[in-house]
Amino acid sequence: MSLVGEMGHERFLRDALDPVLGGYDHVVIDTPPNLGLLTVNALVCADRVLAPV
């Protein structure tokens, strides 16, 4: 919640993961079933999205 007022808050997770992503083939981020800040951050840094129904 502290990121809500920050500029570029939707890119925080992508910026945090960027230095280590080269060491992994796949990264799975499980998010809550809502469109909150954590989910938006995960969607911004995703190449693919799995949406189980």
N, C-alpha and C. Protein backbone atom coordinates (compact mmCIF):
# COMPACT_ATOMS: atom_id res chain seq x y z
N MET A 1 0.82 -1.20 0.00
CA MET A 1 0.00 0.00 0.00
C MET A 1 0.86 1.26 0.00
N SER A 2 2.11 1.13 0.42
CA SER A 2 2.97 2.31 0.43
C SER A 2 3.36 2.75 -0.98
N LEU A 3 3.16 1.89 -1.96
CA LEU A 3 3.51 2.24 -3.34
C LEU A 3 2.41 2.99 -4.07
N VAL A 4 1.22 3.08 -3.52
CA VAL A 4 0.08 3.67 -4.21
C VAL A 4 0.37 5.09 -4.66
N GLY A 5 1.03 5.88 -3.86
CA GLY A 5 1.30 7.26 -4.20
C GLY A 5 2.56 7.47 -5.03
N GLU A 6 3.32 6.42 -5.28
CA GLU A 6 4.59 6.54 -6.01
C GLU A 6 4.38 6.58 -7.52
N MET A 7 5.24 7.32 -8.22
CA MET A 7 5.23 7.32 -9.68
C MET A 7 5.73 5.98 -10.18
N GLY A 8 5.08 5.40 -11.15
CA GLY A 8 5.51 4.14 -11.73
C GLY A 8 5.31 2.94 -10.83
N HIS A 9 4.35 3.03 -9.91
CA HIS A 9 4.14 1.94 -8.95
C HIS A 9 3.75 0.63 -9.63
N GLU A 10 3.23 0.68 -10.84
CA GLU A 10 2.84 -0.55 -11.53
C GLU A 10 4.05 -1.29 -12.12
N ARG A 11 5.23 -0.67 -12.12
CA ARG A 11 6.44 -1.30 -12.64
C ARG A 11 7.43 -1.69 -11.54
N PHE A 12 7.02 -1.61 -10.29
CA PHE A 12 7.93 -1.88 -9.18
C PHE A 12 8.44 -3.32 -9.19
N LEU A 13 7.56 -4.28 -9.39
CA LEU A 13 7.96 -5.68 -9.38
C LEU A 13 8.88 -6.00 -10.55
N ARG A 14 8.58 -5.46 -11.73
CA ARG A 14 9.44 -5.68 -12.90
C ARG A 14 10.84 -5.13 -12.64
N ASP A 15 10.93 -3.96 -12.09
CA ASP A 15 12.24 -3.36 -11.80
C ASP A 15 12.99 -4.16 -10.74
N ALA A 16 12.28 -4.72 -9.77
CA ALA A 16 12.92 -5.50 -8.71
C ALA A 16 13.42 -6.85 -9.23
N LEU A 17 12.68 -7.46 -10.17
CA LEU A 17 13.06 -8.77 -10.69
C LEU A 17 14.06 -8.69 -11.84
N ASP A 18 14.16 -7.57 -12.49
CA ASP A 18 14.99 -7.43 -13.68
C ASP A 18 16.43 -7.92 -13.50
N PRO A 19 17.12 -7.61 -12.40
CA PRO A 19 18.52 -8.06 -12.27
C PRO A 19 18.69 -9.57 -12.14
N VAL A 20 17.68 -10.31 -11.71
CA VAL A 20 17.84 -11.74 -11.47
C VAL A 20 17.14 -12.61 -12.51
N LEU A 21 16.34 -12.05 -13.39
CA LEU A 21 15.57 -12.85 -14.34
C LEU A 21 16.45 -13.64 -15.30
N GLY A 22 17.64 -13.19 -15.59
CA GLY A 22 18.54 -13.90 -16.50
C GLY A 22 18.96 -15.26 -15.98
N GLY A 23 18.87 -15.47 -14.69
CA GLY A 23 19.28 -16.74 -14.08
C GLY A 23 18.20 -17.79 -14.04
N TYR A 24 17.03 -17.51 -14.58
CA TYR A 24 15.90 -18.44 -14.52
C TYR A 24 15.28 -18.61 -15.90
N ASP A 25 14.80 -19.83 -16.16
CA ASP A 25 14.07 -20.08 -17.40
C ASP A 25 12.63 -19.61 -17.27
N HIS A 26 12.03 -19.85 -16.11
CA HIS A 26 10.64 -19.49 -15.87
C HIS A 26 10.48 -18.94 -14.46
N VAL A 27 9.63 -17.99 -14.30
CA VAL A 27 9.28 -17.45 -12.98
C VAL A 27 7.76 -17.46 -12.88
N VAL A 28 7.24 -18.07 -11.83
CA VAL A 28 5.80 -18.13 -11.61
C VAL A 28 5.45 -17.20 -10.46
N ILE A 29 4.52 -16.31 -10.71
CA ILE A 29 4.05 -15.38 -9.68
C ILE A 29 2.57 -15.64 -9.47
N ASP A 30 2.22 -16.12 -8.30
CA ASP A 30 0.83 -16.41 -7.96
C ASP A 30 0.26 -15.17 -7.29
N THR A 31 -0.86 -14.69 -7.79
CA THR A 31 -1.46 -13.46 -7.26
C THR A 31 -2.86 -13.72 -6.76
N PRO A 32 -3.38 -12.85 -5.92
CA PRO A 32 -4.76 -13.00 -5.46
C PRO A 32 -5.74 -12.76 -6.62
N PRO A 33 -6.95 -13.29 -6.52
CA PRO A 33 -7.93 -13.16 -7.60
C PRO A 33 -8.62 -11.80 -7.61
N ASN A 34 -7.86 -10.76 -7.70
CA ASN A 34 -8.43 -9.41 -7.82
C ASN A 34 -7.50 -8.57 -8.68
N LEU A 35 -7.89 -7.38 -8.98
CA LEU A 35 -7.05 -6.52 -9.81
C LEU A 35 -6.40 -5.44 -8.95
N GLY A 36 -5.79 -5.88 -7.87
CA GLY A 36 -5.10 -4.97 -6.97
C GLY A 36 -3.70 -4.65 -7.48
N LEU A 37 -2.94 -3.94 -6.68
CA LEU A 37 -1.61 -3.48 -7.06
C LEU A 37 -0.66 -4.64 -7.32
N LEU A 38 -0.72 -5.69 -6.52
CA LEU A 38 0.16 -6.84 -6.72
C LEU A 38 -0.14 -7.52 -8.06
N THR A 39 -1.40 -7.69 -8.38
CA THR A 39 -1.78 -8.33 -9.64
C THR A 39 -1.38 -7.48 -10.84
N VAL A 40 -1.58 -6.18 -10.75
CA VAL A 40 -1.19 -5.28 -11.83
C VAL A 40 0.32 -5.33 -12.04
N ASN A 41 1.09 -5.34 -10.96
CA ASN A 41 2.55 -5.45 -11.07
C ASN A 41 2.95 -6.75 -11.75
N ALA A 42 2.30 -7.85 -11.39
CA ALA A 42 2.62 -9.14 -11.99
C ALA A 42 2.27 -9.14 -13.48
N LEU A 43 1.15 -8.54 -13.85
CA LEU A 43 0.76 -8.50 -15.26
C LEU A 43 1.70 -7.63 -16.09
N VAL A 44 2.21 -6.56 -15.51
CA VAL A 44 3.12 -5.67 -16.23
C VAL A 44 4.44 -6.39 -16.54
N CYS A 45 4.92 -7.22 -15.64
CA CYS A 45 6.21 -7.87 -15.89
C CYS A 45 6.06 -9.24 -16.55
N ALA A 46 4.85 -9.67 -16.87
CA ALA A 46 4.62 -11.00 -17.43
C ALA A 46 4.81 -11.04 -18.95
N ASP A 47 5.36 -12.14 -19.42
CA ASP A 47 5.39 -12.43 -20.85
C ASP A 47 4.18 -13.27 -21.24
N ARG A 48 3.75 -14.12 -20.30
CA ARG A 48 2.59 -14.98 -20.50
C ARG A 48 1.76 -14.98 -19.24
N VAL A 49 0.47 -15.21 -19.41
CA VAL A 49 -0.44 -15.24 -18.27
C VAL A 49 -1.29 -16.51 -18.34
N LEU A 50 -1.37 -17.23 -17.22
CA LEU A 50 -2.27 -18.36 -17.09
C LEU A 50 -3.44 -17.93 -16.23
N ALA A 51 -4.65 -18.09 -16.74
CA ALA A 51 -5.83 -17.70 -15.98
C ALA A 51 -6.73 -18.92 -15.80
N PRO A 52 -6.55 -19.67 -14.71
CA PRO A 52 -7.42 -20.83 -14.48
C PRO A 52 -8.85 -20.38 -14.21
N VAL A 53 -9.76 -21.10 -14.79
CA VAL A 53 -11.18 -20.74 -14.64
C VAL A 53 -11.92 -21.88 -13.97
